[in-house]
Amino acid sequence: VSTVETSLDASLRRMQSDLEHIADEIPAAALEQKNVEHFSKN
């Protein structure tokens, strides 16, 4: 149970960290349909 709990906790913490970093780095202009092609690759 401890092993499963630790694994799940690590997954959730990593997901939270990734989501926060991505959200901080996304330019507002990238959130408009007309600009998707410009920002898509990165």
PDB file of all heavy atoms in Angstrom:
ATOM      1  N   VAL A   1       0.839  -1.196   0.000  1.00  0.00           N
ATOM      2  CA  VAL A   1       0.000   0.000   0.000  1.00  0.00           C
ATOM      3  C   VAL A   1       0.877   1.251   0.000  1.00  0.00           C
ATOM      4  O   VAL A   1       0.625   2.203  -0.741  1.00  0.00           O
ATOM      5  CB  VAL A   1      -0.972  -0.006   1.199  1.00  0.00           C
ATOM      6  CG1 VAL A   1      -1.681   1.334   1.340  1.00  0.00           C
ATOM      7  CG2 VAL A   1      -1.978  -1.133   1.059  1.00  0.00           C
ATOM      8  N   SER A   2       1.926   1.243   0.788  1.00  0.00           N
ATOM      9  CA  SER A   2       2.838   2.383   0.845  1.00  0.00           C
ATOM     10  C   SER A   2       3.526   2.620  -0.495  1.00  0.00           C
ATOM     11  O   SER A   2       3.667   3.766  -0.936  1.00  0.00           O
ATOM     12  CB  SER A   2       3.878   2.156   1.942  1.00  0.00           C
ATOM     13  OG  SER A   2       4.760   3.242   2.010  1.00  0.00           O
ATOM     14  N   THR A   3       3.919   1.551  -1.168  1.00  0.00           N
ATOM     15  CA  THR A   3       4.569   1.665  -2.472  1.00  0.00           C
ATOM     16  C   THR A   3       3.612   2.257  -3.506  1.00  0.00           C
ATOM     17  O   THR A   3       3.976   3.153  -4.271  1.00  0.00           O
ATOM     18  CB  THR A   3       5.075   0.289  -2.948  1.00  0.00           C
ATOM     19  OG1 THR A   3       6.010  -0.192  -1.991  1.00  0.00           O
ATOM     20  CG2 THR A   3       5.716   0.367  -4.315  1.00  0.00           C
ATOM     21  N   VAL A   4       2.382   1.766  -3.538  1.00  0.00           N
ATOM     22  CA  VAL A   4       1.382   2.282  -4.477  1.00  0.00           C
ATOM     23  C   VAL A   4       1.079   3.742  -4.168  1.00  0.00           C
ATOM     24  O   VAL A   4       1.009   4.586  -5.069  1.00  0.00           O
ATOM     25  CB  VAL A   4       0.095   1.421  -4.443  1.00  0.00           C
ATOM     26  CG1 VAL A   4      -1.022   2.091  -5.218  1.00  0.00           C
ATOM     27  CG2 VAL A   4       0.374   0.028  -4.991  1.00  0.00           C
ATOM     28  N   GLU A   5       0.929   4.065  -2.902  1.00  0.00           N
ATOM     29  CA  GLU A   5       0.643   5.437  -2.493  1.00  0.00           C
ATOM     30  C   GLU A   5       1.778   6.379  -2.911  1.00  0.00           C
ATOM     31  O   GLU A   5       1.542   7.468  -3.430  1.00  0.00           O
ATOM     32  CB  GLU A   5       0.436   5.503  -0.982  1.00  0.00           C
ATOM     33  CG  GLU A   5       0.111   6.884  -0.469  1.00  0.00           C
ATOM     34  CD  GLU A   5      -0.074   6.921   1.042  1.00  0.00           C
ATOM     35  OE1 GLU A   5       0.398   6.005   1.745  1.00  0.00           O
ATOM     36  OE2 GLU A   5      -0.690   7.892   1.507  1.00  0.00           O
ATOM     37  N   THR A   6       3.015   5.960  -2.712  1.00  0.00           N
ATOM     38  CA  THR A   6       4.173   6.770  -3.087  1.00  0.00           C
ATOM     39  C   THR A   6       4.218   6.989  -4.595  1.00  0.00           C
ATOM     40  O   THR A   6       4.478   8.099  -5.064  1.00  0.00           O
ATOM     41  CB  THR A   6       5.469   6.101  -2.594  1.00  0.00           C
ATOM     42  OG1 THR A   6       5.412   5.994  -1.174  1.00  0.00           O
ATOM     43  CG2 THR A   6       6.693   6.896  -3.003  1.00  0.00           C
ATOM     44  N   SER A   7       3.943   5.941  -5.367  1.00  0.00           N
ATOM     45  CA  SER A   7       3.944   6.047  -6.821  1.00  0.00           C
ATOM     46  C   SER A   7       2.857   7.001  -7.303  1.00  0.00           C
ATOM     47  O   SER A   7       3.111   7.865  -8.161  1.00  0.00           O
ATOM     48  CB  SER A   7       3.750   4.664  -7.441  1.00  0.00           C
ATOM     49  OG  SER A   7       3.685   4.767  -8.835  1.00  0.00           O
ATOM     50  N   LEU A   8       1.663   6.876  -6.762  1.00  0.00           N
ATOM     51  CA  LEU A   8       0.567   7.749  -7.155  1.00  0.00           C
ATOM     52  C   LEU A   8       0.858   9.196  -6.770  1.00  0.00           C
ATOM     53  O   LEU A   8       0.651  10.121  -7.561  1.00  0.00           O
ATOM     54  CB  LEU A   8      -0.748   7.286  -6.531  1.00  0.00           C
ATOM     55  CG  LEU A   8      -1.965   8.127  -6.867  1.00  0.00           C
ATOM     56  CD1 LEU A   8      -2.213   8.153  -8.363  1.00  0.00           C
ATOM     57  CD2 LEU A   8      -3.184   7.612  -6.129  1.00  0.00           C
ATOM     58  N   ASP A   9       1.381   9.401  -5.565  1.00  0.00           N
ATOM     59  CA  ASP A   9       1.721  10.744  -5.110  1.00  0.00           C
ATOM     60  C   ASP A   9       2.755  11.377  -6.043  1.00  0.00           C
ATOM     61  O   ASP A   9       2.633  12.540  -6.431  1.00  0.00           O
ATOM     62  CB  ASP A   9       2.235  10.704  -3.670  1.00  0.00           C
ATOM     63  CG  ASP A   9       2.540  12.085  -3.123  1.00  0.00           C
ATOM     64  OD1 ASP A   9       1.608  12.915  -3.045  1.00  0.00           O
ATOM     65  OD2 ASP A   9       3.708  12.339  -2.784  1.00  0.00           O
ATOM     66  N   ALA A  10       3.776  10.615  -6.426  1.00  0.00           N
ATOM     67  CA  ALA A  10       4.804  11.126  -7.326  1.00  0.00           C
ATOM     68  C   ALA A  10       4.199  11.490  -8.684  1.00  0.00           C
ATOM     69  O   ALA A  10       4.549  12.529  -9.265  1.00  0.00           O
ATOM     70  CB  ALA A  10       5.927  10.105  -7.493  1.00  0.00           C
ATOM     71  N   SER A  11       3.297  10.663  -9.189  1.00  0.00           N
ATOM     72  CA  SER A  11       2.651  10.950 -10.475  1.00  0.00           C
ATOM     73  C   SER A  11       1.842  12.240 -10.406  1.00  0.00           C
ATOM     74  O   SER A  11       1.916  13.083 -11.305  1.00  0.00           O
ATOM     75  CB  SER A  11       1.725   9.798 -10.887  1.00  0.00           C
ATOM     76  OG  SER A  11       2.459   8.629 -11.116  1.00  0.00           O
ATOM     77  N   LEU A  12       1.078  12.397  -9.333  1.00  0.00           N
ATOM     78  CA  LEU A  12       0.242  13.591  -9.195  1.00  0.00           C
ATOM     79  C   LEU A  12       1.080  14.852  -9.002  1.00  0.00           C
ATOM     80  O   LEU A  12       0.771  15.910  -9.558  1.00  0.00           O
ATOM     81  CB  LEU A  12      -0.757  13.420  -8.054  1.00  0.00           C
ATOM     82  CG  LEU A  12      -1.821  12.341  -8.283  1.00  0.00           C
ATOM     83  CD1 LEU A  12      -2.683  12.172  -7.045  1.00  0.00           C
ATOM     84  CD2 LEU A  12      -2.671  12.656  -9.508  1.00  0.00           C
ATOM     85  N   ARG A  13       2.158  14.743  -8.238  1.00  0.00           N
ATOM     86  CA  ARG A  13       3.040  15.906  -8.038  1.00  0.00           C
ATOM     87  C   ARG A  13       3.729  16.302  -9.347  1.00  0.00           C
ATOM     88  O   ARG A  13       3.855  17.492  -9.662  1.00  0.00           O
ATOM     89  CB  ARG A  13       4.075  15.616  -6.964  1.00  0.00           C
ATOM     90  CG  ARG A  13       3.525  15.644  -5.566  1.00  0.00           C
ATOM     91  CD  ARG A  13       4.616  15.311  -4.541  1.00  0.00           C
ATOM     92  NE  ARG A  13       4.071  15.114  -3.236  1.00  0.00           N
ATOM     93  CZ  ARG A  13       3.832  16.100  -2.362  1.00  0.00           C
ATOM     94  NH1 ARG A  13       4.112  17.346  -2.690  1.00  0.00           N
ATOM     95  NH2 ARG A  13       3.327  15.845  -1.184  1.00  0.00           N
ATOM     96  N   ARG A  14       4.171  15.321 -10.097  1.00  0.00           N
ATOM     97  CA  ARG A  14       4.819  15.635 -11.370  1.00  0.00           C
ATOM     98  C   ARG A  14       3.820  16.270 -12.326  1.00  0.00           C
ATOM     99  O   ARG A  14       4.138  17.234 -13.023  1.00  0.00           O
ATOM    100  CB  ARG A  14       5.418  14.381 -11.989  1.00  0.00           C
ATOM    101  CG  ARG A  14       6.060  14.688 -13.322  1.00  0.00           C
ATOM    102  CD  ARG A  14       6.866  13.577 -13.876  1.00  0.00           C
ATOM    103  NE  ARG A  14       7.335  13.936 -15.204  1.00  0.00           N
ATOM    104  CZ  ARG A  14       7.820  13.077 -16.061  1.00  0.00           C
ATOM    105  NH1 ARG A  14       7.965  11.819 -15.734  1.00  0.00           N
ATOM    106  NH2 ARG A  14       8.201  13.480 -17.246  1.00  0.00           N
ATOM    107  N   MET A  15       2.605  15.728 -12.358  1.00  0.00           N
ATOM    108  CA  MET A  15       1.570  16.287 -13.228  1.00  0.00           C
ATOM    109  C   MET A  15       1.281  17.735 -12.844  1.00  0.00           C
ATOM    110  O   MET A  15       1.207  18.615 -13.712  1.00  0.00           O
ATOM    111  CB  MET A  15       0.299  15.452 -13.147  1.00  0.00           C
ATOM    112  CG  MET A  15      -0.835  16.028 -13.961  1.00  0.00           C
ATOM    113  SD  MET A  15      -0.599  15.876 -15.722  1.00  0.00           S
ATOM    114  CE  MET A  15      -1.095  14.187 -15.904  1.00  0.00           C
ATOM    115  N   GLN A  16       1.152  18.004 -11.552  1.00  0.00           N
ATOM    116  CA  GLN A  16       0.890  19.367 -11.098  1.00  0.00           C
ATOM    117  C   GLN A  16       2.025  20.298 -11.516  1.00  0.00           C
ATOM    118  O   GLN A  16       1.794  21.386 -12.038  1.00  0.00           O
ATOM    119  CB  GLN A  16       0.707  19.415  -9.582  1.00  0.00           C
ATOM    120  CG  GLN A  16       0.471  20.816  -9.061  1.00  0.00           C
ATOM    121  CD  GLN A  16       0.233  20.856  -7.562  1.00  0.00           C
ATOM    122  OE1 GLN A  16       0.234  19.844  -6.879  1.00  0.00           O
ATOM    123  NE2 GLN A  16       0.017  22.040  -7.045  1.00  0.00           N
ATOM    124  N   SER A  17       3.247  19.867 -11.312  1.00  0.00           N
ATOM    125  CA  SER A  17       4.401  20.672 -11.677  1.00  0.00           C
ATOM    126  C   SER A  17       4.434  20.957 -13.181  1.00  0.00           C
ATOM    127  O   SER A  17       4.641  22.105 -13.602  1.00  0.00           O
ATOM    128  CB  SER A  17       5.687  19.959 -11.248  1.00  0.00           C
ATOM    129  OG  SER A  17       6.816  20.682 -11.668  1.00  0.00           O
ATOM    130  N   ASP A  18       4.212  19.923 -13.983  1.00  0.00           N
ATOM    131  CA  ASP A  18       4.219  20.111 -15.438  1.00  0.00           C
ATOM    132  C   ASP A  18       3.110  21.067 -15.876  1.00  0.00           C
ATOM    133  O   ASP A  18       3.333  21.959 -16.700  1.00  0.00           O
ATOM    134  CB  ASP A  18       4.074  18.776 -16.169  1.00  0.00           C
ATOM    135  CG  ASP A  18       5.388  18.014 -16.272  1.00  0.00           C
ATOM    136  OD1 ASP A  18       6.440  18.556 -15.886  1.00  0.00           O
ATOM    137  OD2 ASP A  18       5.354  16.865 -16.753  1.00  0.00           O
ATOM    138  N   LEU A  19       1.906  20.888 -15.335  1.00  0.00           N
ATOM    139  CA  LEU A  19       0.797  21.764 -15.717  1.00  0.00           C
ATOM    140  C   LEU A  19       1.091  23.214 -15.345  1.00  0.00           C
ATOM    141  O   LEU A  19       0.823  24.135 -16.129  1.00  0.00           O
ATOM    142  CB  LEU A  19      -0.515  21.294 -15.074  1.00  0.00           C
ATOM    143  CG  LEU A  19      -1.087  19.983 -15.614  1.00  0.00           C
ATOM    144  CD1 LEU A  19      -2.267  19.523 -14.774  1.00  0.00           C
ATOM    145  CD2 LEU A  19      -1.488  20.112 -17.069  1.00  0.00           C
ATOM    146  N   GLU A  20       1.636  23.424 -14.160  1.00  0.00           N
ATOM    147  CA  GLU A  20       1.952  24.795 -13.735  1.00  0.00           C
ATOM    148  C   GLU A  20       3.032  25.412 -14.610  1.00  0.00           C
ATOM    149  O   GLU A  20       2.925  26.575 -15.014  1.00  0.00           O
ATOM    150  CB  GLU A  20       2.348  24.815 -12.261  1.00  0.00           C
ATOM    151  CG  GLU A  20       1.163  24.563 -11.342  1.00  0.00           C
ATOM    152  CD  GLU A  20       1.530  24.402  -9.878  1.00  0.00           C
ATOM    153  OE1 GLU A  20       2.732  24.378  -9.539  1.00  0.00           O
ATOM    154  OE2 GLU A  20       0.590  24.296  -9.065  1.00  0.00           O
ATOM    155  N   HIS A  21       4.080  24.647 -14.941  1.00  0.00           N
ATOM    156  CA  HIS A  21       5.140  25.171 -15.803  1.00  0.00           C
ATOM    157  C   HIS A  21       4.632  25.480 -17.208  1.00  0.00           C
ATOM    158  O   HIS A  21       4.943  26.532 -17.770  1.00  0.00           O
ATOM    159  CB  HIS A  21       6.320  24.200 -15.874  1.00  0.00           C
ATOM    160  CG  HIS A  21       7.192  24.234 -14.677  1.00  0.00           C
ATOM    161  ND1 HIS A  21       7.139  23.274 -13.698  1.00  0.00           N
ATOM    162  CD2 HIS A  21       8.114  25.138 -14.269  1.00  0.00           C
ATOM    163  CE1 HIS A  21       8.011  23.578 -12.747  1.00  0.00           C
ATOM    164  NE2 HIS A  21       8.615  24.705 -13.065  1.00  0.00           N
ATOM    165  N   ILE A  22       3.858  24.575 -17.767  1.00  0.00           N
ATOM    166  CA  ILE A  22       3.316  24.806 -19.110  1.00  0.00           C
ATOM    167  C   ILE A  22       2.424  26.043 -19.107  1.00  0.00           C
ATOM    168  O   ILE A  22       2.534  26.905 -19.984  1.00  0.00           O
ATOM    169  CB  ILE A  22       2.550  23.564 -19.624  1.00  0.00           C
ATOM    170  CG1 ILE A  22       3.507  22.391 -19.842  1.00  0.00           C
ATOM    171  CG2 ILE A  22       1.791  23.901 -20.911  1.00  0.00           C
ATOM    172  CD1 ILE A  22       2.810  21.056 -20.058  1.00  0.00           C
ATOM    173  N   ALA A  23       1.534  26.139 -18.126  1.00  0.00           N
ATOM    174  CA  ALA A  23       0.616  27.283 -18.049  1.00  0.00           C
ATOM    175  C   ALA A  23       1.381  28.593 -17.945  1.00  0.00           C
ATOM    176  O   ALA A  23       0.992  29.596 -18.560  1.00  0.00           O
ATOM    177  CB  ALA A  23      -0.336  27.120 -16.867  1.00  0.00           C
ATOM    178  N   ASP A  24       2.462  28.600 -17.181  1.00  0.00           N
ATOM    179  CA  ASP A  24       3.266  29.818 -17.035  1.00  0.00           C
ATOM    180  C   ASP A  24       3.994  30.198 -18.324  1.00  0.00           C
ATOM    181  O   ASP A  24       4.266  31.371 -18.559  1.00  0.00           O
ATOM    182  CB  ASP A  24       4.312  29.649 -15.915  1.00  0.00           C
ATOM    183  CG  ASP A  24       3.697  29.650 -14.530  1.00  0.00           C
ATOM    184  OD1 ASP A  24       2.526  30.068 -14.387  1.00  0.00           O
ATOM    185  OD2 ASP A  24       4.388  29.224 -13.588  1.00  0.00           O
ATOM    186  N   GLU A  25       4.320  29.209 -19.159  1.00  0.00           N
ATOM    187  CA  GLU A  25       5.131  29.453 -20.353  1.00  0.00           C
ATOM    188  C   GLU A  25       4.319  29.710 -21.624  1.00  0.00           C
ATOM    189  O   GLU A  25       4.867  30.197 -22.614  1.00  0.00           O
ATOM    190  CB  GLU A  25       6.059  28.256 -20.587  1.00  0.00           C
ATOM    191  CG  GLU A  25       7.091  28.077 -19.488  1.00  0.00           C
ATOM    192  CD  GLU A  25       7.833  26.754 -19.568  1.00  0.00           C
ATOM    193  OE1 GLU A  25       7.604  25.971 -20.523  1.00  0.00           O
ATOM    194  OE2 GLU A  25       8.633  26.487 -18.659  1.00  0.00           O
ATOM    195  N   ILE A  26       3.029  29.400 -21.614  1.00  0.00           N
ATOM    196  CA  ILE A  26       2.214  29.551 -22.821  1.00  0.00           C
ATOM    197  C   ILE A  26       1.904  31.028 -23.065  1.00  0.00           C
ATOM    198  O   ILE A  26       1.299  31.677 -22.213  1.00  0.00           O
ATOM    199  CB  ILE A  26       0.879  28.770 -22.684  1.00  0.00           C
ATOM    200  CG1 ILE A  26       1.122  27.276 -22.643  1.00  0.00           C
ATOM    201  CG2 ILE A  26      -0.102  29.132 -23.798  1.00  0.00           C
ATOM    202  CD1 ILE A  26       1.523  26.660 -23.944  1.00  0.00           C
ATOM    203  N   PRO A  27       2.297  31.566 -24.213  1.00  0.00           N
ATOM    204  CA  PRO A  27       1.934  32.956 -24.521  1.00  0.00           C
ATOM    205  C   PRO A  27       0.420  33.059 -24.762  1.00  0.00           C
ATOM    206  O   PRO A  27      -0.185  32.155 -25.345  1.00  0.00           O
ATOM    207  CB  PRO A  27       2.694  33.260 -25.819  1.00  0.00           C
ATOM    208  CG  PRO A  27       3.622  32.119 -26.040  1.00  0.00           C
ATOM    209  CD  PRO A  27       3.127  30.966 -25.241  1.00  0.00           C
ATOM    210  N   ALA A  28      -0.184  34.140 -24.328  1.00  0.00           N
ATOM    211  CA  ALA A  28      -1.629  34.330 -24.513  1.00  0.00           C
ATOM    212  C   ALA A  28      -2.010  34.232 -25.990  1.00  0.00           C
ATOM    213  O   ALA A  28      -3.074  33.694 -26.319  1.00  0.00           O
ATOM    214  CB  ALA A  28      -2.072  35.660 -23.918  1.00  0.00           C
ATOM    215  N   ALA A  29      -1.153  34.701 -26.874  1.00  0.00           N
ATOM    216  CA  ALA A  29      -1.448  34.640 -28.313  1.00  0.00           C
ATOM    217  C   ALA A  29      -1.575  33.207 -28.810  1.00  0.00           C
ATOM    218  O   ALA A  29      -2.289  32.942 -29.784  1.00  0.00           O
ATOM    219  CB  ALA A  29      -0.365  35.372 -29.099  1.00  0.00           C
ATOM    220  N   ALA A  30      -0.913  32.264 -28.150  1.00  0.00           N
ATOM    221  CA  ALA A  30      -0.983  30.849 -28.557  1.00  0.00           C
ATOM    222  C   ALA A  30      -2.352  30.248 -28.271  1.00  0.00           C
ATOM    223  O   ALA A  30      -2.669  29.173 -28.765  1.00  0.00           O
ATOM    224  CB  ALA A  30       0.096  30.041 -27.840  1.00  0.00           C
ATOM    225  N   LEU A  31      -3.171  30.945 -27.492  1.00  0.00           N
ATOM    226  CA  LEU A  31      -4.477  30.421 -27.094  1.00  0.00           C
ATOM    227  C   LEU A  31      -5.600  30.891 -28.014  1.00  0.00           C
ATOM    228  O   LEU A  31      -6.771  30.819 -27.665  1.00  0.00           O
ATOM    229  CB  LEU A  31      -4.759  30.798 -25.632  1.00  0.00           C
ATOM    230  CG  LEU A  31      -3.703  30.283 -24.658  1.00  0.00           C
ATOM    231  CD1 LEU A  31      -3.982  30.783 -23.252  1.00  0.00           C
ATOM    232  CD2 LEU A  31      -3.623  28.763 -24.692  1.00  0.00           C
ATOM    233  N   GLU A  32      -5.227  31.344 -29.204  1.00  0.00           N
ATOM    234  CA  GLU A  32      -6.202  31.750 -30.214  1.00  0.00           C
ATOM    235  C   GLU A  32      -6.043  30.846 -31.428  1.00  0.00           C
ATOM    236  O   GLU A  32      -4.920  30.589 -31.880  1.00  0.00           O
ATOM    237  CB  GLU A  32      -5.975  33.211 -30.606  1.00  0.00           C
ATOM    238  CG  GLU A  32      -6.180  34.175 -29.448  1.00  0.00           C
ATOM    239  CD  GLU A  32      -5.895  35.615 -29.841  1.00  0.00           C
ATOM    240  OE1 GLU A  32      -6.112  35.979 -31.020  1.00  0.00           O
ATOM    241  OE2 GLU A  32      -5.442  36.365 -28.961  1.00  0.00           O
ATOM    242  N   GLN A  33      -7.171  30.361 -31.943  1.00  0.00           N
ATOM    243  CA  GLN A  33      -7.165  29.431 -33.079  1.00  0.00           C
ATOM    244  C   GLN A  33      -6.315  29.950 -34.238  1.00  0.00           C
ATOM    245  O   GLN A  33      -5.583  29.183 -34.865  1.00  0.00           O
ATOM    246  CB  GLN A  33      -8.597  29.166 -33.574  1.00  0.00           C
ATOM    247  CG  GLN A  33      -9.438  28.331 -32.649  1.00  0.00           C
ATOM    248  CD  GLN A  33      -9.138  26.848 -32.687  1.00  0.00           C
ATOM    249  OE1 GLN A  33      -8.415  26.344 -33.543  1.00  0.00           O
ATOM    250  NE2 GLN A  33      -9.687  26.120 -31.732  1.00  0.00           N
ATOM    251  N   LYS A  34      -6.385  31.239 -34.520  1.00  0.00           N
ATOM    252  CA  LYS A  34      -5.679  31.802 -35.676  1.00  0.00           C
ATOM    253  C   LYS A  34      -4.159  31.708 -35.549  1.00  0.00           C
ATOM    254  O   LYS A  34      -3.451  31.808 -36.549  1.00  0.00           O
ATOM    255  CB  LYS A  34      -6.094  33.258 -35.895  1.00  0.00           C
ATOM    256  CG  LYS A  34      -5.645  34.191 -34.793  1.00  0.00           C
ATOM    257  CD  LYS A  34      -6.115  35.615 -35.011  1.00  0.00           C
ATOM    258  CE  LYS A  34      -5.613  36.498 -33.889  1.00  0.00           C
ATOM    259  NZ  LYS A  34      -6.056  37.871 -34.043  1.00  0.00           N
ATOM    260  N   ASN A  35      -3.639  31.483 -34.332  1.00  0.00           N
ATOM    261  CA  ASN A  35      -2.192  31.444 -34.111  1.00  0.00           C
ATOM    262  C   ASN A  35      -1.632  30.040 -33.881  1.00  0.00           C
ATOM    263  O   ASN A  35      -0.438  29.884 -33.630  1.00  0.00           O
ATOM    264  CB  ASN A  35      -1.829  32.325 -32.914  1.00  0.00           C
ATOM    265  CG  ASN A  35      -2.173  33.775 -33.146  1.00  0.00           C
ATOM    266  OD1 ASN A  35      -2.101  34.263 -34.270  1.00  0.00           O
ATOM    267  ND2 ASN A  35      -2.568  34.464 -32.094  1.00  0.00           N
ATOM    268  N   VAL A  36      -2.468  29.032 -33.955  1.00  0.00           N
ATOM    269  CA  VAL A  36      -2.045  27.666 -33.649  1.00  0.00           C
ATOM    270  C   VAL A  36      -0.873  27.224 -34.525  1.00  0.00           C
ATOM    271  O   VAL A  36       0.103  26.668 -34.028  1.00  0.00           O
ATOM    272  CB  VAL A  36      -3.228  26.674 -33.761  1.00  0.00           C
ATOM    273  CG1 VAL A  36      -2.744  25.228 -33.733  1.00  0.00           C
ATOM    274  CG2 VAL A  36      -4.222  26.921 -32.642  1.00  0.00           C
ATOM    275  N   GLU A  37      -0.954  27.482 -35.807  1.00  0.00           N
ATOM    276  CA  GLU A  37       0.113  27.028 -36.704  1.00  0.00           C
ATOM    277  C   GLU A  37       1.466  27.623 -36.317  1.00  0.00           C
ATOM    278  O   GLU A  37       2.488  26.942 -36.352  1.00  0.00           O
ATOM    279  CB  GLU A  37      -0.225  27.395 -38.149  1.00  0.00           C
ATOM    280  CG  GLU A  37       0.722  26.765 -39.151  1.00  0.00           C
ATOM    281  CD  GLU A  37       0.297  27.027 -40.593  1.00  0.00           C
ATOM    282  OE1 GLU A  37      -0.911  27.087 -40.867  1.00  0.00           O
ATOM    283  OE2 GLU A  37       1.205  27.174 -41.435  1.00  0.00           O
ATOM    284  N   HIS A  38       1.476  28.868 -35.905  1.00  0.00           N
ATOM    285  CA  HIS A  38       2.718  29.544 -35.519  1.00  0.00           C
ATOM    286  C   HIS A  38       3.352  28.933 -34.262  1.00  0.00           C
ATOM    287  O   HIS A  38       4.565  28.781 -34.182  1.00  0.00           O
ATOM    288  CB  HIS A  38       2.451  31.035 -35.297  1.00  0.00           C
ATOM    289  CG  HIS A  38       3.636  31.794 -34.791  1.00  0.00           C
ATOM    290  ND1 HIS A  38       4.717  32.110 -35.600  1.00  0.00           N
ATOM    291  CD2 HIS A  38       3.936  32.275 -33.559  1.00  0.00           C
ATOM    292  CE1 HIS A  38       5.612  32.760 -34.886  1.00  0.00           C
ATOM    293  NE2 HIS A  38       5.175  32.868 -33.647  1.00  0.00           N
ATOM    294  N   PHE A  39       2.531  28.562 -33.275  1.00  0.00           N
ATOM    295  CA  PHE A  39       3.042  28.084 -31.987  1.00  0.00           C
ATOM    296  C   PHE A  39       3.093  26.558 -31.872  1.00  0.00           C
ATOM    297  O   PHE A  39       3.702  26.022 -30.948  1.00  0.00           O
ATOM    298  CB  PHE A  39       2.167  28.626 -30.840  1.00  0.00           C
ATOM    299  CG  PHE A  39       2.319  30.091 -30.609  1.00  0.00           C
ATOM    300  CD1 PHE A  39       1.400  30.985 -31.128  1.00  0.00           C
ATOM    301  CD2 PHE A  39       3.379  30.592 -29.863  1.00  0.00           C
ATOM    302  CE1 PHE A  39       1.530  32.349 -30.910  1.00  0.00           C
ATOM    303  CE2 PHE A  39       3.519  31.948 -29.639  1.00  0.00           C
ATOM    304  CZ  PHE A  39       2.588  32.836 -30.170  1.00  0.00           C
ATOM    305  N   SER A  40       2.445  25.865 -32.780  1.00  0.00           N
ATOM    306  CA  SER A  40       2.251  24.415 -32.661  1.00  0.00           C
ATOM    307  C   SER A  40       3.541  23.614 -32.470  1.00  0.00           C
ATOM    308  O   SER A  40       3.624  22.774 -31.568  1.00  0.00           O
ATOM    309  CB  SER A  40       1.492  23.901 -33.879  1.00  0.00           C
ATOM    310  OG  SER A  40       1.177  22.546 -33.717  1.00  0.00           O
ATOM    311  N   LYS A  41       4.538  23.853 -33.285  1.00  0.00           N
ATOM    312  CA  LYS A  41       5.761  23.041 -33.231  1.00  0.00           C
ATOM    313  C   LYS A  41       6.413  23.103 -31.853  1.00  0.00           C
ATOM    314  O   LYS A  41       6.727  22.062 -31.263  1.00  0.00           O
ATOM    315  CB  LYS A  41       6.748  23.474 -34.310  1.00  0.00           C
ATOM    316  CG  LYS A  41       8.010  22.637 -34.328  1.00  0.00           C
ATOM    317  CD  LYS A  41       8.972  23.074 -35.419  1.00  0.00           C
ATOM    318  CE  LYS A  41      10.243  22.233 -35.358  1.00  0.00           C
ATOM    319  NZ  LYS A  41      11.246  22.707 -36.300  1.00  0.00           N
ATOM    320  N   ASN A  42       6.615  24.290 -31.321  1.00  0.00           N
ATOM    321  CA  ASN A  42       7.268  24.431 -30.013  1.00  0.00           C
ATOM    322  C   ASN A  42       6.443  23.843 -28.887  1.00  0.00           C
ATOM    323  O   ASN A  42       6.973  23.168 -27.994  1.00  0.00           O
ATOM    324  CB  ASN A  42       7.598  25.896 -29.724  1.00  0.00           C
ATOM    325  CG  ASN A  42       8.735  26.403 -30.578  1.00  0.00           C
ATOM    326  OD1 ASN A  42       9.549  25.631 -31.089  1.00  0.00           O
ATOM    327  ND2 ASN A  42       8.793  27.706 -30.757  1.00  0.00           N
TER     328      ASN A  42
END
